[in-house]
Amino acid sequence: MAFKNHTLENLLNELPEALLMTTTQGVILFANKALSTMTGFALDELRGESAVKLIPTPERRRVDVVTWLNRCADDPDPDQLRYLNLALSTKFGVTKLVSLRVSKHLENGEICFLVILRDVTSEHETITSLRHAQLITNRILAIGEDAVVSIDEQQRITFWNARAADLFGYSSEEALGQPISLVLPDSAKLTHGAMVEQFVRQSVPSRMMGERGEISGKRKDGTIVPLEAAITKTHIDGQAIMSAQVRDISRRKSAEAALRASEARFRAIFEHAVEAMAVLDATGMVQEINQTAREMIGDYEPGHYFWDLNWWPGETDSARIAEARTVLQANIKRVGEGETIRARVELPAAEGRSRDIDFSLIAVFDADNNLQYIIAEGRDVSSLTP
């Protein structure tokens, strides 16, 4: 095809964008250098061929490129531009995804199409990868154990996963677009708003779970629930989006309260027991010792092995004390191997008289049969001895 205006032809040929000119039947009239570089075809290999040679009809697409061009020709608006992404076949068998921009042009009294092609293969792969990553992220957030809530700078809810719905009682339809104050106790609404505004202004990108300590949320039924939250800030189109990973700590607080109560009961029983009691670790180091035992041995300082305590305050024979310590150390080793020690021992008292002690060593193992503790117990039965 010969252009009336050779300057126009030269200009089109030197355009950095790939350009194709076809008839309304899809016959290729002209292709510029950029298109030749993109496809590997020279102009002579394309002139007179159907555009289908470059853009074949995919199996799943009902309308081929020629039909699409004809639809564009029938458009009464000659300035109308159309956009479409299609698969482009190169001379070397490589398929590229191209974006098409089409306009009608009158040349030599005939309507033809000027088609600008842009290679969007890499862009499409990037977008596909991002969509895939976003899909995975959304599914992880949707089924995660923690509630995930996002708000914009106006503090309106923009994301609300299934766990958030379970935690607060509001469906996503009820929550999206609502102010975050929807799930805040009245006492926290003012301070929370100010804290969010401060976080938006700060350069800190995130705050980890528990960094703010315990916070509170309000369920749809009005129940106040203790929470922990990690928050992160992301800028999208110049706007800050705050996303919080929120965790219900009601069970943990209940477990901690139960543990404190159990510890208090243990302490009351342990300290007020009439028997001398000590808790040792697997090596025989004293971890706890009660008041009755402290009265028996005198002054006590932590960080001693059980056999090194002053169980013989009235004994002056150092050889006998050394022998007794050796026996006690050996007994603790036997207990660590699973044996229970029960004996009646005679201990000298500080006032010069002896005491008859009912003494025991019991091992405590965990579920994996690892030695955790050794319980040492001694009861003065001197008054029961005839």
Protein backbone atom coordinates (compact mmCIF):
# COMPACT_ATOMS: atom_id res chain seq x y z
CA MET A 1 0.00 0.00 0.00
CA ALA A 2 1.30 3.46 -0.86
CA PHE A 3 0.47 6.39 1.35
CA LYS A 4 -0.47 9.66 -0.29
CA ASN A 5 1.60 11.41 2.33
CA HIS A 6 5.10 9.90 2.38
CA THR A 7 5.99 11.99 5.41
CA LEU A 8 3.16 10.30 7.30
CA GLU A 9 4.37 6.88 6.14
CA ASN A 10 7.91 7.59 7.31
CA LEU A 11 6.61 8.89 10.63
CA LEU A 12 4.51 5.77 11.22
CA ASN A 13 7.42 3.55 10.23
CA GLU A 14 9.72 5.18 12.79
CA LEU A 15 7.24 5.17 15.66
CA PRO A 16 8.63 3.41 18.77
CA GLU A 17 5.26 1.70 19.16
CA ALA A 18 4.40 -1.33 17.03
CA LEU A 19 1.81 -0.35 14.44
CA LEU A 20 -0.30 -2.38 12.02
CA MET A 21 -2.68 -1.18 9.28
CA THR A 22 -5.37 -3.52 7.93
CA THR A 23 -8.42 -3.45 5.73
CA THR A 24 -11.85 -4.04 7.17
CA GLN A 25 -11.41 -7.66 6.05
CA GLY A 26 -8.29 -7.93 8.21
CA VAL A 27 -5.78 -7.91 5.33
CA ILE A 28 -2.47 -6.43 6.42
CA LEU A 29 -1.57 -3.28 4.44
CA PHE A 30 1.31 -1.92 6.46
CA ALA A 31 3.51 -2.75 9.45
CA ASN A 32 6.22 -0.57 10.91
CA LYS A 33 9.73 -1.41 12.11
CA ALA A 34 8.68 -1.75 15.74
CA LEU A 35 6.12 -4.41 14.79
CA SER A 36 8.74 -6.23 12.74
CA THR A 37 11.05 -6.22 15.77
CA MET A 38 8.24 -7.46 18.03
CA THR A 39 7.14 -10.31 15.77
CA GLY A 40 10.25 -11.20 13.75
CA PHE A 41 8.29 -10.84 10.50
CA ALA A 42 9.45 -8.48 7.77
CA LEU A 43 6.83 -6.27 6.09
CA ASP A 44 7.03 -8.35 2.92
CA GLU A 45 6.14 -11.46 4.95
CA LEU A 46 3.02 -9.75 6.34
CA ARG A 47 1.72 -7.58 3.49
CA GLY A 48 -1.39 -9.17 1.99
CA GLU A 49 -1.71 -11.71 4.80
CA SER A 50 -4.66 -11.88 7.20
CA ALA A 51 -4.22 -10.37 10.63
CA VAL A 52 -5.14 -13.83 11.91
CA LYS A 53 -1.56 -14.82 11.01
CA LEU A 54 -0.37 -12.59 13.84
CA ILE A 55 -3.36 -12.89 16.12
CA PRO A 56 -4.95 -16.33 15.70
CA THR A 57 -8.31 -17.04 17.26
CA PRO A 58 -7.85 -18.84 20.61
CA GLU A 59 -9.84 -22.01 21.15
CA ARG A 60 -11.90 -20.44 23.91
CA ARG A 61 -12.61 -17.15 22.12
CA ARG A 62 -15.65 -17.08 19.84
CA VAL A 63 -14.85 -13.85 17.99
CA ASP A 64 -11.66 -13.66 15.90
CA VAL A 65 -9.62 -10.52 15.39
CA VAL A 66 -11.10 -9.85 11.91
CA THR A 67 -14.66 -9.91 13.28
CA TRP A 68 -13.59 -7.65 16.08
CA LEU A 69 -12.06 -5.16 13.62
CA ASN A 70 -15.25 -5.18 11.55
CA ARG A 71 -17.32 -4.43 14.62
CA CYS A 72 -15.09 -1.48 15.21
CA ALA A 73 -15.62 -0.36 11.55
CA ASP A 74 -19.39 -0.38 12.03
CA ASP A 75 -19.12 2.02 14.97
CA PRO A 76 -20.71 5.32 13.91
CA ASP A 77 -18.19 7.29 15.99
CA PRO A 78 -14.99 7.45 13.88
CA ASP A 79 -12.94 8.72 16.83
CA GLN A 80 -13.88 5.84 19.09
CA LEU A 81 -10.89 3.93 20.47
CA ARG A 82 -11.10 0.30 21.50
CA TYR A 83 -8.88 -1.72 23.86
CA LEU A 84 -8.29 -5.45 23.92
CA ASN A 85 -5.59 -7.87 25.10
CA LEU A 86 -4.89 -10.68 22.66
CA ALA A 87 -2.26 -13.36 22.08
CA LEU A 88 0.28 -12.42 19.40
CA SER A 89 2.15 -15.18 17.52
CA THR A 90 5.72 -14.35 16.46
CA LYS A 91 7.72 -15.80 13.58
CA PHE A 92 9.72 -17.90 16.05
CA GLY A 93 6.70 -19.53 17.69
CA VAL A 94 6.77 -17.39 20.81
CA THR A 95 3.40 -16.16 22.05
CA LYS A 96 3.18 -12.68 23.51
CA LEU A 97 0.27 -10.94 25.16
CA VAL A 98 -0.39 -7.59 23.52
CA SER A 99 -2.66 -4.70 24.29
CA LEU A 100 -4.39 -3.28 21.19
CA ARG A 101 -5.48 0.29 20.60
CA VAL A 102 -7.48 0.71 17.44
CA SER A 103 -8.75 3.70 15.46
CA LYS A 104 -10.32 4.06 12.00
CA HIS A 105 -8.46 5.84 9.27
CA LEU A 106 -9.42 6.86 5.73
CA GLU A 107 -6.65 6.19 3.23
CA ASN A 108 -7.08 6.47 -0.55
CA GLY A 109 -10.84 6.63 -0.05
CA GLU A 110 -10.93 3.33 1.85
CA ILE A 111 -11.59 2.71 5.50
CA CYS A 112 -8.74 0.93 7.23
CA PHE A 113 -7.63 0.37 10.74
CA LEU A 114 -4.59 1.67 12.53
CA VAL A 115 -3.75 -0.79 15.29
CA ILE A 116 -1.13 0.04 17.93
CA LEU A 117 0.21 -3.01 19.73
CA ARG A 118 1.96 -2.94 23.08
CA ASP A 119 3.69 -5.99 24.59
CA VAL A 120 2.11 -6.49 28.02
CA THR A 121 3.39 -10.03 28.64
CA SER A 122 5.65 -9.10 31.55
CA GLU A 123 3.04 -6.73 32.95
CA HIS A 124 0.36 -9.41 32.71
CA GLU A 125 2.61 -11.96 34.45
CA THR A 126 3.29 -9.48 37.22
CA ILE A 127 -0.40 -8.71 37.65
CA THR A 128 -1.25 -12.42 37.61
CA SER A 129 1.42 -13.10 40.22
CA LEU A 130 0.13 -10.26 42.40
CA ARG A 131 -3.45 -11.46 42.06
CA HIS A 132 -2.36 -14.98 42.96
CA ALA A 133 -0.47 -13.70 45.99
CA GLN A 134 -3.45 -11.55 46.96
CA LEU A 135 -5.80 -14.51 46.63
CA ILE A 136 -3.58 -16.64 48.86
CA THR A 137 -3.25 -13.79 51.36
CA ASN A 138 -6.99 -13.22 51.44
CA ARG A 139 -7.67 -16.91 52.01
CA ILE A 140 -5.09 -17.11 54.78
CA LEU A 141 -6.60 -14.04 56.43
CA ALA A 142 -10.08 -15.44 55.94
CA ILE A 143 -9.36 -18.72 57.76
CA GLY A 144 -6.72 -17.51 60.23
CA GLU A 145 -7.20 -18.03 63.94
CA ASP A 146 -6.88 -14.30 64.65
CA ALA A 147 -9.36 -11.62 63.71
CA VAL A 148 -8.01 -9.25 61.05
CA VAL A 149 -9.50 -5.77 60.74
CA SER A 150 -8.33 -2.94 58.45
CA ILE A 151 -9.33 0.71 58.67
CA ASP A 152 -8.61 3.77 56.53
CA GLU A 153 -7.46 7.18 57.72
CA GLN A 154 -11.08 8.08 58.49
CA GLN A 155 -11.05 5.05 60.81
CA ARG A 156 -13.71 3.23 58.83
CA ILE A 157 -13.53 -0.53 58.45
CA THR A 158 -12.26 -1.65 55.03
CA PHE A 159 -11.45 -5.31 55.72
CA TRP A 160 -13.16 -7.77 58.04
CA ASN A 161 -12.32 -11.48 58.01
CA ALA A 162 -14.45 -14.41 59.17
CA ARG A 163 -12.68 -14.62 62.53
CA ALA A 164 -13.51 -10.94 63.17
CA ALA A 165 -17.15 -11.77 62.51
CA ASP A 166 -16.96 -14.65 65.01
CA LEU A 167 -15.18 -12.52 67.61
CA PHE A 168 -17.34 -9.40 67.48
CA GLY A 169 -20.63 -10.83 66.21
CA TYR A 170 -20.95 -8.54 63.17
CA SER A 171 -20.99 -9.96 59.64
CA SER A 172 -18.74 -8.35 57.04
CA GLU A 173 -21.81 -6.70 55.50
CA GLU A 174 -22.61 -5.11 58.85
CA ALA A 175 -19.04 -4.05 59.62
CA LEU A 176 -17.56 -2.80 56.33
CA GLY A 177 -17.76 0.96 56.01
CA GLN A 178 -18.61 1.42 59.69
CA PRO A 179 -16.35 3.35 62.09
CA ILE A 180 -14.00 1.20 64.15
CA SER A 181 -15.73 2.60 67.23
CA LEU A 182 -18.42 0.00 66.43
CA VAL A 183 -16.36 -2.59 68.32
CA LEU A 184 -14.85 -0.36 71.01
CA PRO A 185 -16.07 0.13 74.58
CA ASP A 186 -17.35 3.63 75.27
CA SER A 187 -14.41 4.27 77.60
CA ALA A 188 -11.89 3.62 74.79
CA LYS A 189 -13.44 5.46 71.86
CA LEU A 190 -11.82 8.86 72.36
CA THR A 191 -8.37 7.60 73.30
CA HIS A 192 -8.34 5.00 70.53
CA GLY A 193 -9.13 7.58 67.87
CA ALA A 194 -6.29 9.81 69.05
CA MET A 195 -3.88 6.86 69.13
CA VAL A 196 -4.75 5.89 65.55
CA GLU A 197 -4.18 9.48 64.36
CA GLN A 198 -0.82 9.49 66.14
CA PHE A 199 0.14 6.16 64.58
CA VAL A 200 -0.70 7.52 61.09
CA ARG A 201 1.69 10.44 61.64
CA GLN A 202 4.51 8.32 63.06
CA SER A 203 7.20 6.69 60.93
CA VAL A 204 6.87 3.43 62.88
CA PRO A 205 5.41 0.86 60.41
CA SER A 206 4.04 -1.62 62.94
CA ARG A 207 3.51 -2.56 66.56
CA MET A 208 3.83 -6.15 67.62
CA MET A 209 1.28 -8.28 69.47
CA GLY A 210 1.10 -7.32 73.13
CA GLU A 211 3.27 -4.20 72.73
CA ARG A 212 0.36 -2.00 73.81
CA GLY A 213 -0.59 -4.45 76.52
CA GLU A 214 -4.13 -5.62 76.99
CA ILE A 215 -6.93 -3.75 75.21
CA SER A 216 -10.68 -4.28 75.16
CA GLY A 217 -13.28 -4.78 72.47
CA LYS A 218 -17.07 -4.77 72.51
CA ARG A 219 -19.12 -7.50 70.90
CA LYS A 220 -22.45 -6.90 69.16
CA ASP A 221 -24.29 -8.10 72.28
CA GLY A 222 -22.43 -5.53 74.39
CA THR A 223 -20.04 -7.98 76.02
CA ILE A 224 -16.59 -6.56 76.71
CA VAL A 225 -13.79 -8.92 75.70
CA PRO A 226 -10.05 -8.65 76.55
CA LEU A 227 -7.81 -8.50 73.47
CA GLU A 228 -4.27 -8.24 72.24
CA ALA A 229 -3.50 -6.66 68.88
CA ALA A 230 -0.61 -6.28 66.45
CA ILE A 231 -1.01 -3.38 64.03
CA THR A 232 0.72 -2.52 60.77
CA LYS A 233 0.49 0.49 58.49
CA THR A 234 0.49 0.37 54.67
CA HIS A 235 0.21 3.29 52.27
CA ILE A 236 -2.00 2.67 49.23
CA ASP A 237 -2.53 5.48 46.70
CA GLY A 238 -1.24 7.98 49.24
CA GLN A 239 -3.64 6.83 51.95
CA ALA A 240 -2.62 5.02 55.14
CA ILE A 241 -4.39 1.72 55.77
CA MET A 242 -4.05 0.29 59.29
CA SER A 243 -4.49 -3.45 59.67
CA ALA A 244 -4.80 -5.07 63.07
CA GLN A 245 -4.38 -8.73 63.93
CA VAL A 246 -6.64 -9.09 66.96
CA ARG A 247 -6.56 -11.99 69.39
CA ASP A 248 -9.14 -12.90 72.03
CA ILE A 249 -7.23 -13.55 75.26
CA SER A 250 -10.24 -14.47 77.42
CA ARG A 251 -9.19 -18.11 77.73
CA ARG A 252 -5.61 -17.19 78.45
CA LYS A 253 -6.66 -14.78 81.17
CA SER A 254 -8.91 -17.44 82.67
CA ALA A 255 -6.05 -19.95 82.57
CA GLU A 256 -3.70 -17.41 84.16
CA ALA A 257 -6.23 -16.70 86.90
CA ALA A 258 -6.67 -20.44 87.50
CA LEU A 259 -2.90 -20.85 87.65
CA ARG A 260 -2.58 -18.03 90.16
CA ALA A 261 -5.31 -19.59 92.28
CA SER A 262 -3.59 -22.97 92.07
CA GLU A 263 -0.28 -21.39 93.00
CA ALA A 264 -1.91 -19.68 95.98
CA ARG A 265 -3.43 -22.98 97.14
CA PHE A 266 -0.10 -24.75 96.75
CA ARG A 267 1.68 -22.00 98.67
CA ALA A 268 -0.86 -22.13 101.50
CA ILE A 269 -0.61 -25.93 101.81
CA PHE A 270 3.15 -26.01 101.36
CA GLU A 271 4.00 -23.27 103.82
CA HIS A 272 1.58 -24.37 106.54
CA ALA A 273 2.22 -28.10 106.37
CA VAL A 274 3.34 -29.67 109.68
CA GLU A 275 5.82 -31.82 107.71
CA ALA A 276 9.15 -30.45 106.54
CA MET A 277 8.93 -30.28 102.73
CA ALA A 278 11.29 -29.35 99.92
CA VAL A 279 10.99 -29.36 96.15
CA LEU A 280 14.19 -30.28 94.30
CA ASP A 281 15.07 -30.20 90.63
CA ALA A 282 16.42 -33.26 88.81
CA THR A 283 19.95 -32.53 90.03
CA GLY A 284 18.94 -32.30 93.70
CA MET A 285 19.11 -28.48 93.84
CA VAL A 286 16.55 -27.02 96.25
CA GLN A 287 13.82 -25.02 94.47
CA GLU A 288 11.38 -24.52 97.32
CA ILE A 289 11.54 -25.24 101.05
CA ASN A 290 8.74 -24.67 103.54
CA GLN A 291 8.64 -23.01 106.93
CA THR A 292 8.70 -26.26 108.91
CA ALA A 293 11.89 -27.37 107.12
CA ARG A 294 13.50 -23.96 107.65
CA GLU A 295 12.80 -24.26 111.36
CA MET A 296 14.44 -27.69 111.33
CA ILE A 297 17.69 -26.65 109.62
CA GLY A 298 18.04 -23.08 110.88
CA ASP A 299 19.11 -20.33 108.49
CA TYR A 300 18.44 -21.10 104.83
CA GLU A 301 19.83 -19.45 101.71
CA PRO A 302 18.73 -20.46 98.18
CA GLY A 303 21.13 -22.12 95.76
CA HIS A 304 22.12 -25.24 97.71
CA TYR A 305 21.89 -28.94 97.02
CA PHE A 306 19.56 -30.78 99.37
CA TRP A 307 22.37 -32.83 100.97
CA ASP A 308 24.37 -29.67 101.71
CA LEU A 309 21.68 -28.17 103.96
CA ASN A 310 22.22 -28.18 107.72
CA TRP A 311 20.13 -31.24 108.55
CA TRP A 312 22.45 -32.11 111.45
CA PRO A 313 22.56 -28.97 113.62
CA GLY A 314 23.47 -30.90 116.77
CA GLU A 315 26.05 -33.20 115.20
CA THR A 316 29.70 -32.41 115.88
CA ASP A 317 31.31 -35.42 114.23
CA SER A 318 32.31 -34.20 110.75
CA ALA A 319 32.94 -37.75 109.50
CA ARG A 320 29.40 -38.82 110.41
CA ILE A 321 27.98 -35.71 108.71
CA ALA A 322 30.00 -36.43 105.55
CA GLU A 323 28.76 -40.02 105.54
CA ALA A 324 25.14 -38.93 106.00
CA ARG A 325 25.44 -36.46 103.13
CA THR A 326 26.89 -39.16 100.89
CA VAL A 327 24.00 -41.50 101.70
CA LEU A 328 21.43 -38.74 101.06
CA GLN A 329 23.07 -37.82 97.75
CA ALA A 330 23.01 -41.48 96.68
CA ASN A 331 19.33 -41.79 97.65
CA ILE A 332 18.44 -38.74 95.54
CA LYS A 333 20.24 -40.32 92.59
CA ARG A 334 18.22 -43.54 93.10
CA VAL A 335 15.00 -41.51 93.14
CA GLY A 336 16.01 -39.92 89.85
CA GLU A 337 16.17 -43.40 88.39
CA GLY A 338 12.55 -44.04 89.37
CA GLU A 339 12.88 -45.48 92.88
CA THR A 340 10.90 -44.17 95.85
CA ILE A 341 12.84 -43.79 99.10
CA ARG A 342 11.07 -44.18 102.44
CA ALA A 343 13.02 -44.44 105.70
CA ARG A 344 13.10 -43.66 109.41
CA VAL A 345 16.18 -41.65 110.26
CA GLU A 346 17.53 -40.29 113.49
CA LEU A 347 18.75 -36.72 113.33
CA PRO A 348 20.56 -34.92 116.14
CA ALA A 349 18.86 -31.81 117.46
CA ALA A 350 20.59 -28.55 118.31
CA GLU A 351 19.70 -28.92 121.99
CA GLY A 352 21.61 -32.20 122.20
CA ARG A 353 18.77 -34.69 121.86
CA SER A 354 17.92 -36.68 118.75
CA ARG A 355 14.79 -36.58 116.57
CA ASP A 356 13.10 -39.51 114.91
CA ILE A 357 12.15 -38.50 111.36
CA ASP A 358 9.85 -40.34 108.96
CA PHE A 359 11.58 -39.38 105.71
CA SER A 360 10.64 -39.89 102.03
CA LEU A 361 11.87 -38.94 98.55
CA ILE A 362 9.41 -39.15 95.64
CA ALA A 363 10.16 -38.48 91.95
CA VAL A 364 7.77 -36.53 89.72
CA PHE A 365 7.96 -37.30 85.98
CA ASP A 366 6.33 -35.53 83.02
CA ALA A 367 4.25 -37.15 80.26
CA ASP A 368 7.43 -38.10 78.39
CA ASN A 369 8.87 -39.80 81.50
CA ASN A 370 11.44 -37.06 82.07
CA LEU A 371 12.30 -36.31 85.69
CA GLN A 372 10.87 -32.91 86.62
CA TYR A 373 11.04 -32.67 90.38
CA ILE A 374 11.88 -34.60 93.53
CA ILE A 375 9.65 -34.10 96.55
CA ALA A 376 11.45 -34.48 99.87
CA GLU A 377 9.27 -34.82 102.96
CA GLY A 378 10.15 -35.37 106.59
CA ARG A 379 7.86 -35.68 109.62
CA ASP A 380 9.10 -35.58 113.19
CA VAL A 381 7.62 -38.70 114.85
CA SER A 382 9.73 -38.54 117.98
CA SER A 383 6.66 -38.14 120.19
CA LEU A 384 5.20 -41.32 118.65
CA THR A 385 8.24 -43.42 119.42
CA PRO A 386 7.75 -45.48 122.62
